[in-house]
């Protein structure tokens, strides 16, 4: 399922839900790692140099997404975590 909206003032970009393997491949190609926001259950991608985040395993990241009913969406190389 696709989701539309504005991204950084750009026209409505279509965000396509992607599978975890593709998200992992895109993230790795951009030097991103899975992270958890310290003191919360929030997850996001990180370059690993953020004091607010703890780098976690890809397995823990995938489990956190499933547990919270989240999915990864992509458009033009941009990825966003949203409700599934």
PDB file of N, CA and C in Angstrom:
ATOM      1  N   UNK A   1       0.850  -1.170   0.000  1.00  0.00           N
ATOM      2  CA  UNK A   1       0.000   0.000   0.000  1.00  0.00           C
ATOM      3  C   UNK A   1       0.895   1.233   0.000  1.00  0.00           C
ATOM      4  N   UNK A   2       0.558   2.239  -0.758  1.00  0.00           N
ATOM      5  CA  UNK A   2       1.334   3.467  -0.854  1.00  0.00           C
ATOM      6  C   UNK A   2       0.702   4.549   0.003  1.00  0.00           C
ATOM      7  N   UNK A   3       1.541   5.451   0.459  1.00  0.00           N
ATOM      8  CA  UNK A   3       1.089   6.587   1.249  1.00  0.00           C
ATOM      9  C   UNK A   3       1.640   7.839   0.587  1.00  0.00           C
ATOM     10  N   UNK A   4       0.847   8.906   0.551  1.00  0.00           N
ATOM     11  CA  UNK A   4       1.325  10.136  -0.061  1.00  0.00           C
ATOM     12  C   UNK A   4       1.400  11.240   0.979  1.00  0.00           C
ATOM     13  N   UNK A   5       2.220  12.220   0.705  1.00  0.00           N
ATOM     14  CA  UNK A   5       2.358  13.355   1.609  1.00  0.00           C
ATOM     15  C   UNK A   5       3.510  14.219   1.163  1.00  0.00           C
ATOM     16  N   UNK A   6       3.751  15.290   1.894  1.00  0.00           N
ATOM     17  CA  UNK A   6       4.844  16.173   1.546  1.00  0.00           C
ATOM     18  C   UNK A   6       6.094  15.766   2.295  1.00  0.00           C
ATOM     19  N   UNK A   7       7.216  15.868   1.638  1.00  0.00           N
ATOM     20  CA  UNK A   7       8.502  15.563   2.219  1.00  0.00           C
ATOM     21  C   UNK A   7       9.432  16.721   1.920  1.00  0.00           C
ATOM     22  N   UNK A   8       9.792  17.474   2.945  1.00  0.00           N
ATOM     23  CA  UNK A   8      10.699  18.612   2.792  1.00  0.00           C
ATOM     24  C   UNK A   8      10.236  19.585   1.709  1.00  0.00           C
ATOM     25  N   UNK A   9       8.927  19.872   1.686  1.00  0.00           N
ATOM     26  CA  UNK A   9       8.389  20.843   0.750  1.00  0.00           C
ATOM     27  C   UNK A   9       8.247  20.341  -0.673  1.00  0.00           C
ATOM     28  N   UNK A  10       8.565  19.100  -0.920  1.00  0.00           N
ATOM     29  CA  UNK A  10       8.434  18.548  -2.272  1.00  0.00           C
ATOM     30  C   UNK A  10       6.983  18.212  -2.538  1.00  0.00           C
ATOM     31  N   UNK A  11       6.666  18.052  -3.802  1.00  0.00           N
ATOM     32  CA  UNK A  11       5.305  17.647  -4.161  1.00  0.00           C
ATOM     33  C   UNK A  11       4.982  16.310  -3.531  1.00  0.00           C
ATOM     34  N   UNK A  12       3.716  15.945  -3.574  1.00  0.00           N
ATOM     35  CA  UNK A  12       3.289  14.683  -2.981  1.00  0.00           C
ATOM     36  C   UNK A  12       4.078  13.524  -3.578  1.00  0.00           C
ATOM     37  N   UNK A  13       4.937  12.957  -2.758  1.00  0.00           N
ATOM     38  CA  UNK A  13       5.723  11.803  -3.169  1.00  0.00           C
ATOM     39  C   UNK A  13       4.982  10.559  -2.707  1.00  0.00           C
ATOM     40  N   UNK A  14       5.013   9.541  -3.499  1.00  0.00           N
ATOM     41  CA  UNK A  14       4.363   8.292  -3.126  1.00  0.00           C
ATOM     42  C   UNK A  14       5.370   7.452  -2.345  1.00  0.00           C
ATOM     43  N   UNK A  15       4.997   7.126  -1.130  1.00  0.00           N
ATOM     44  CA  UNK A  15       5.835   6.291  -0.278  1.00  0.00           C
ATOM     45  C   UNK A  15       5.317   4.864  -0.406  1.00  0.00           C
ATOM     46  N   UNK A  16       6.158   3.965  -0.906  1.00  0.00           N
ATOM     47  CA  UNK A  16       5.789   2.570  -1.089  1.00  0.00           C
ATOM     48  C   UNK A  16       6.311   1.747   0.076  1.00  0.00           C
ATOM     49  N   UNK A  17       5.467   0.892   0.614  1.00  0.00           N
ATOM     50  CA  UNK A  17       5.898  -0.013   1.676  1.00  0.00           C
ATOM     51  C   UNK A  17       6.896  -0.999   1.082  1.00  0.00           C
ATOM     52  N   UNK A  18       8.022  -1.180   1.766  1.00  0.00           N
ATOM     53  CA  UNK A  18       9.040  -2.110   1.274  1.00  0.00           C
ATOM     54  C   UNK A  18       9.288  -3.186   2.321  1.00  0.00           C
ATOM     55  N   UNK A  19       9.807  -4.320   1.873  1.00  0.00           N
ATOM     56  CA  UNK A  19      10.078  -5.391   2.819  1.00  0.00           C
ATOM     57  C   UNK A  19      11.359  -5.082   3.593  1.00  0.00           C
ATOM     58  N   UNK A  20      11.518  -5.780   4.692  1.00  0.00           N
ATOM     59  CA  UNK A  20      12.627  -5.508   5.596  1.00  0.00           C
ATOM     60  C   UNK A  20      13.980  -5.716   4.918  1.00  0.00           C
ATOM     61  N   UNK A  21      14.102  -6.745   4.094  1.00  0.00           N
ATOM     62  CA  UNK A  21      15.360  -7.016   3.401  1.00  0.00           C
ATOM     63  C   UNK A  21      15.789  -5.863   2.507  1.00  0.00           C
ATOM     64  N   UNK A  22      14.836  -5.298   1.771  1.00  0.00           N
ATOM     65  CA  UNK A  22      15.153  -4.167   0.892  1.00  0.00           C
ATOM     66  C   UNK A  22      15.544  -2.951   1.727  1.00  0.00           C
ATOM     67  N   UNK A  23      14.830  -2.720   2.831  1.00  0.00           N
ATOM     68  CA  UNK A  23      15.156  -1.593   3.705  1.00  0.00           C
ATOM     69  C   UNK A  23      16.564  -1.741   4.270  1.00  0.00           C
ATOM     70  N   UNK A  24      16.905  -2.951   4.664  1.00  0.00           N
ATOM     71  CA  UNK A  24      18.229  -3.212   5.213  1.00  0.00           C
ATOM     72  C   UNK A  24      19.302  -2.952   4.153  1.00  0.00           C
ATOM     73  N   UNK A  25      19.056  -3.364   2.923  1.00  0.00           N
ATOM     74  CA  UNK A  25      20.002  -3.152   1.831  1.00  0.00           C
ATOM     75  C   UNK A  25      20.198  -1.647   1.560  1.00  0.00           C
ATOM     76  N   UNK A  26      19.097  -0.895   1.505  1.00  0.00           N
ATOM     77  CA  UNK A  26      19.181   0.547   1.275  1.00  0.00           C
ATOM     78  C   UNK A  26      19.934   1.216   2.418  1.00  0.00           C
ATOM     79  N   UNK A  27      19.581   0.837   3.655  1.00  0.00           N
ATOM     80  CA  UNK A  27      20.227   1.436   4.823  1.00  0.00           C
ATOM     81  C   UNK A  27      21.735   1.179   4.798  1.00  0.00           C
ATOM     82  N   UNK A  28      22.126  -0.050   4.549  1.00  0.00           N
ATOM     83  CA  UNK A  28      23.550  -0.385   4.531  1.00  0.00           C
ATOM     84  C   UNK A  28      24.284   0.391   3.443  1.00  0.00           C
ATOM     85  N   UNK A  29      23.637   0.578   2.283  1.00  0.00           N
ATOM     86  CA  UNK A  29      24.283   1.312   1.190  1.00  0.00           C
ATOM     87  C   UNK A  29      24.475   2.791   1.532  1.00  0.00           C
ATOM     88  N   UNK A  30      23.688   3.301   2.483  1.00  0.00           N
ATOM     89  CA  UNK A  30      23.785   4.699   2.905  1.00  0.00           C
ATOM     90  C   UNK A  30      24.577   4.855   4.205  1.00  0.00           C
ATOM     91  N   UNK A  31      25.129   3.743   4.698  1.00  0.00           N
ATOM     92  CA  UNK A  31      25.897   3.792   5.936  1.00  0.00           C
ATOM     93  C   UNK A  31      25.033   3.936   7.178  1.00  0.00           C
ATOM     94  N   UNK A  32      23.769   3.501   7.088  1.00  0.00           N
ATOM     95  CA  UNK A  32      22.846   3.608   8.217  1.00  0.00           C
ATOM     96  C   UNK A  32      22.775   2.293   8.981  1.00  0.00           C
ATOM     97  N   UNK A  33      22.492   2.401  10.269  1.00  0.00           N
ATOM     98  CA  UNK A  33      22.335   1.253  11.143  1.00  0.00           C
ATOM     99  C   UNK A  33      21.001   1.385  11.866  1.00  0.00           C
ATOM    100  N   UNK A  34      20.476   0.277  12.382  1.00  0.00           N
ATOM    101  CA  UNK A  34      19.237   0.365  13.159  1.00  0.00           C
ATOM    102  C   UNK A  34      19.543   0.911  14.549  1.00  0.00           C
ATOM    103  N   UNK A  35      18.658   1.764  15.044  1.00  0.00           N
ATOM    104  CA  UNK A  35      18.876   2.339  16.370  1.00  0.00           C
ATOM    105  C   UNK A  35      17.598   2.428  17.179  1.00  0.00           C
ATOM    106  N   UNK A  36      17.782   2.477  18.493  1.00  0.00           N
ATOM    107  CA  UNK A  36      16.662   2.658  19.424  1.00  0.00           C
ATOM    108  C   UNK A  36      16.898   3.974  20.150  1.00  0.00           C
ATOM    109  N   UNK A  37      15.841   4.784  20.254  1.00  0.00           N
ATOM    110  CA  UNK A  37      15.932   6.040  20.981  1.00  0.00           C
ATOM    111  C   UNK A  37      16.064   5.689  22.462  1.00  0.00           C
ATOM    112  N   UNK A  38      17.120   6.185  23.090  1.00  0.00           N
ATOM    113  CA  UNK A  38      17.390   5.854  24.495  1.00  0.00           C
ATOM    114  C   UNK A  38      16.213   6.206  25.385  1.00  0.00           C
ATOM    115  N   UNK A  39      15.851   5.276  26.266  1.00  0.00           N
ATOM    116  CA  UNK A  39      14.778   5.491  27.221  1.00  0.00           C
ATOM    117  C   UNK A  39      13.380   5.325  26.661  1.00  0.00           C
ATOM    118  N   UNK A  40      13.271   4.886  25.410  1.00  0.00           N
ATOM    119  CA  UNK A  40      11.969   4.702  24.774  1.00  0.00           C
ATOM    120  C   UNK A  40      11.965   3.388  23.997  1.00  0.00           C
ATOM    121  N   UNK A  41      10.844   3.093  23.385  1.00  0.00           N
ATOM    122  CA  UNK A  41      10.748   1.957  22.470  1.00  0.00           C
ATOM    123  C   UNK A  41      10.849   2.420  21.019  1.00  0.00           C
ATOM    124  N   UNK A  42      11.104   3.714  20.809  1.00  0.00           N
ATOM    125  CA  UNK A  42      11.195   4.270  19.465  1.00  0.00           C
ATOM    126  C   UNK A  42      12.419   3.759  18.730  1.00  0.00           C
ATOM    127  N   UNK A  43      12.264   3.502  17.435  1.00  0.00           N
ATOM    128  CA  UNK A  43      13.365   3.037  16.598  1.00  0.00           C
ATOM    129  C   UNK A  43      13.486   3.934  15.376  1.00  0.00           C
ATOM    130  N   UNK A  44      14.713   4.032  14.885  1.00  0.00           N
ATOM    131  CA  UNK A  44      14.958   4.789  13.664  1.00  0.00           C
ATOM    132  C   UNK A  44      16.317   4.381  13.103  1.00  0.00           C
ATOM    133  N   UNK A  45      16.599   4.850  11.902  1.00  0.00           N
ATOM    134  CA  UNK A  45      17.899   4.597  11.298  1.00  0.00           C
ATOM    135  C   UNK A  45      18.868   5.652  11.816  1.00  0.00           C
ATOM    136  N   UNK A  46      20.136   5.260  11.967  1.00  0.00           N
ATOM    137  CA  UNK A  46      21.144   6.170  12.480  1.00  0.00           C
ATOM    138  C   UNK A  46      22.486   5.915  11.804  1.00  0.00           C
ATOM    139  N   UNK A  47      23.314   6.938  11.775  1.00  0.00           N
ATOM    140  CA  UNK A  47      24.688   6.766  11.300  1.00  0.00           C
ATOM    141  C   UNK A  47      25.575   6.303  12.449  1.00  0.00           C
ATOM    142  N   UNK A  48      24.988   6.180  13.653  1.00  0.00           N
ATOM    143  CA  UNK A  48      25.715   5.643  14.796  1.00  0.00           C
ATOM    144  C   UNK A  48      26.438   6.676  15.636  1.00  0.00           C
ATOM    145  N   UNK A  49      26.341   7.954  15.285  1.00  0.00           N
ATOM    146  CA  UNK A  49      27.076   8.988  16.018  1.00  0.00           C
ATOM    147  C   UNK A  49      26.140   9.922  16.781  1.00  0.00           C
ATOM    148  N   UNK A  50      24.995   9.409  17.207  1.00  0.00           N
ATOM    149  CA  UNK A  50      23.991  10.218  17.878  1.00  0.00           C
ATOM    150  C   UNK A  50      23.887   9.786  19.342  1.00  0.00           C
ATOM    151  N   UNK A  51      24.071  10.719  20.261  1.00  0.00           N
ATOM    152  CA  UNK A  51      24.029  10.398  21.689  1.00  0.00           C
ATOM    153  C   UNK A  51      22.643   9.998  22.172  1.00  0.00           C
ATOM    154  N   UNK A  52      21.606  10.332  21.416  1.00  0.00           N
ATOM    155  CA  UNK A  52      20.233   9.982  21.810  1.00  0.00           C
ATOM    156  C   UNK A  52      19.856   8.564  21.423  1.00  0.00           C
ATOM    157  N   UNK A  53      20.676   7.917  20.604  1.00  0.00           N
ATOM    158  CA  UNK A  53      20.338   6.595  20.066  1.00  0.00           C
ATOM    159  C   UNK A  53      21.360   5.549  20.469  1.00  0.00           C
ATOM    160  N   UNK A  54      20.869   4.327  20.591  1.00  0.00           N
ATOM    161  CA  UNK A  54      21.729   3.171  20.796  1.00  0.00           C
ATOM    162  C   UNK A  54      21.602   2.288  19.563  1.00  0.00           C
ATOM    163  N   UNK A  55      22.724   1.913  18.956  1.00  0.00           N
ATOM    164  CA  UNK A  55      22.694   1.018  17.801  1.00  0.00           C
ATOM    165  C   UNK A  55      22.259  -0.359  18.303  1.00  0.00           C
ATOM    166  N   UNK A  56      21.301  -0.973  17.570  1.00  0.00           N
ATOM    167  CA  UNK A  56      20.786  -2.299  17.927  1.00  0.00           C
ATOM    168  C   UNK A  56      20.979  -3.239  16.739  1.00  0.00           C
ATOM    169  N   UNK A  57      20.744  -4.515  16.951  1.00  0.00           N
ATOM    170  CA  UNK A  57      20.884  -5.490  15.859  1.00  0.00           C
ATOM    171  C   UNK A  57      19.720  -5.337  14.879  1.00  0.00           C
ATOM    172  N   UNK A  58      19.943  -5.815  13.666  1.00  0.00           N
ATOM    173  CA  UNK A  58      18.874  -5.788  12.670  1.00  0.00           C
ATOM    174  C   UNK A  58      17.703  -6.645  13.129  1.00  0.00           C
ATOM    175  N   UNK A  59      17.984  -7.745  13.811  1.00  0.00           N
ATOM    176  CA  UNK A  59      16.927  -8.627  14.315  1.00  0.00           C
ATOM    177  C   UNK A  59      16.066  -7.890  15.354  1.00  0.00           C
ATOM    178  N   UNK A  60      16.718  -7.188  16.295  1.00  0.00           N
ATOM    179  CA  UNK A  60      15.973  -6.430  17.308  1.00  0.00           C
ATOM    180  C   UNK A  60      15.155  -5.313  16.664  1.00  0.00           C
ATOM    181  N   UNK A  61      15.720  -4.696  15.639  1.00  0.00           N
ATOM    182  CA  UNK A  61      15.038  -3.615  14.925  1.00  0.00           C
ATOM    183  C   UNK A  61      13.774  -4.142  14.259  1.00  0.00           C
ATOM    184  N   UNK A  62      13.900  -5.270  13.557  1.00  0.00           N
ATOM    185  CA  UNK A  62      12.748  -5.862  12.875  1.00  0.00           C
ATOM    186  C   UNK A  62      11.672  -6.266  13.887  1.00  0.00           C
ATOM    187  N   UNK A  63      12.081  -6.862  15.005  1.00  0.00           N
ATOM    188  CA  UNK A  63      11.124  -7.262  16.035  1.00  0.00           C
ATOM    189  C   UNK A  63      10.407  -6.049  16.627  1.00  0.00           C
ATOM    190  N   UNK A  64      11.132  -4.956  16.850  1.00  0.00           N
ATOM    191  CA  UNK A  64      10.527  -3.735  17.399  1.00  0.00           C
ATOM    192  C   UNK A  64       9.489  -3.166  16.435  1.00  0.00           C
ATOM    193  N   UNK A  65       9.791  -3.188  15.137  1.00  0.00           N
ATOM    194  CA  UNK A  65       8.835  -2.702  14.138  1.00  0.00           C
ATOM    195  C   UNK A  65       7.560  -3.534  14.170  1.00  0.00           C
ATOM    196  N   UNK A  66       7.711  -4.846  14.174  1.00  0.00           N
ATOM    197  CA  UNK A  66       6.547  -5.741  14.186  1.00  0.00           C
ATOM    198  C   UNK A  66       5.730  -5.554  15.453  1.00  0.00           C
ATOM    199  N   UNK A  67       6.401  -5.476  16.595  1.00  0.00           N
ATOM    200  CA  UNK A  67       5.720  -5.336  17.881  1.00  0.00           C
ATOM    201  C   UNK A  67       4.888  -4.054  17.939  1.00  0.00           C
ATOM    202  N   UNK A  68       5.385  -2.993  17.316  1.00  0.00           N
ATOM    203  CA  UNK A  68       4.706  -1.698  17.354  1.00  0.00           C
ATOM    204  C   UNK A  68       3.796  -1.464  16.153  1.00  0.00           C
ATOM    205  N   UNK A  69       3.680  -2.450  15.254  1.00  0.00           N
ATOM    206  CA  UNK A  69       2.805  -2.307  14.090  1.00  0.00           C
ATOM    207  C   UNK A  69       3.306  -1.288  13.086  1.00  0.00           C
ATOM    208  N   UNK A  70       4.629  -1.227  12.930  1.00  0.00           N
ATOM    209  CA  UNK A  70       5.245  -0.268  12.023  1.00  0.00           C
ATOM    210  C   UNK A  70       5.804  -0.965  10.801  1.00  0.00           C
ATOM    211  N   UNK A  71       5.969  -0.200   9.747  1.00  0.00           N
ATOM    212  CA  UNK A  71       6.563  -0.702   8.506  1.00  0.00           C
ATOM    213  C   UNK A  71       7.483   0.375   7.952  1.00  0.00           C
ATOM    214  N   UNK A  72       8.315  -0.013   7.010  1.00  0.00           N
ATOM    215  CA  UNK A  72       9.242   0.921   6.374  1.00  0.00           C
ATOM    216  C   UNK A  72       8.715   1.237   4.987  1.00  0.00           C
ATOM    217  N   UNK A  73       8.677   2.523   4.686  1.00  0.00           N
ATOM    218  CA  UNK A  73       8.219   3.008   3.394  1.00  0.00           C
ATOM    219  C   UNK A  73       9.373   3.736   2.728  1.00  0.00           C
ATOM    220  N   UNK A  74       9.374   3.743   1.384  1.00  0.00           N
ATOM    221  CA  UNK A  74      10.479   4.331   0.639  1.00  0.00           C
ATOM    222  C   UNK A  74       9.963   5.063  -0.582  1.00  0.00           C
ATOM    223  N   UNK A  75      10.647   6.137  -0.926  1.00  0.00           N
ATOM    224  CA  UNK A  75      10.383   6.867  -2.165  1.00  0.00           C
ATOM    225  C   UNK A  75      11.659   7.596  -2.563  1.00  0.00           C
ATOM    226  N   UNK A  76      12.138   7.313  -3.744  1.00  0.00           N
ATOM    227  CA  UNK A  76      13.311   8.016  -4.263  1.00  0.00           C
ATOM    228  C   UNK A  76      14.531   7.912  -3.359  1.00  0.00           C
ATOM    229  N   UNK A  77      14.682   6.799  -2.659  1.00  0.00           N
ATOM    230  CA  UNK A  77      15.829   6.621  -1.794  1.00  0.00           C
ATOM    231  C   UNK A  77      15.606   7.090  -0.359  1.00  0.00           C
ATOM    232  N   UNK A  78      14.518   7.787  -0.116  1.00  0.00           N
ATOM    233  CA  UNK A  78      14.167   8.227   1.235  1.00  0.00           C
ATOM    234  C   UNK A  78      13.378   7.127   1.910  1.00  0.00           C
ATOM    235  N   UNK A  79      13.707   6.813   3.157  1.00  0.00           N
ATOM    236  CA  UNK A  79      12.953   5.822   3.907  1.00  0.00           C
ATOM    237  C   UNK A  79      12.321   6.477   5.124  1.00  0.00           C
ATOM    238  N   UNK A  80      11.141   5.988   5.466  1.00  0.00           N
ATOM    239  CA  UNK A  80      10.414   6.510   6.609  1.00  0.00           C
ATOM    240  C   UNK A  80       9.707   5.362   7.311  1.00  0.00           C
ATOM    241  N   UNK A  81       9.729   5.381   8.644  1.00  0.00           N
ATOM    242  CA  UNK A  81       9.036   4.368   9.437  1.00  0.00           C
ATOM    243  C   UNK A  81       7.673   4.938   9.804  1.00  0.00           C
ATOM    244  N   UNK A  82       6.629   4.189   9.442  1.00  0.00           N
ATOM    245  CA  UNK A  82       5.254   4.638   9.698  1.00  0.00           C
ATOM    246  C   UNK A  82       4.394   3.441  10.101  1.00  0.00           C
ATOM    247  N   UNK A  83       3.189   3.727  10.562  1.00  0.00           N
ATOM    248  CA  UNK A  83       2.233   2.665  10.887  1.00  0.00           C
ATOM    249  C   UNK A  83       2.004   1.820   9.644  1.00  0.00           C
ATOM    250  N   UNK A  84       1.944   0.507   9.855  1.00  0.00           N
ATOM    251  CA  UNK A  84       1.751  -0.425   8.739  1.00  0.00           C
ATOM    252  C   UNK A  84       0.331  -0.351   8.208  1.00  0.00           C
TER     253      UNK A  84
END
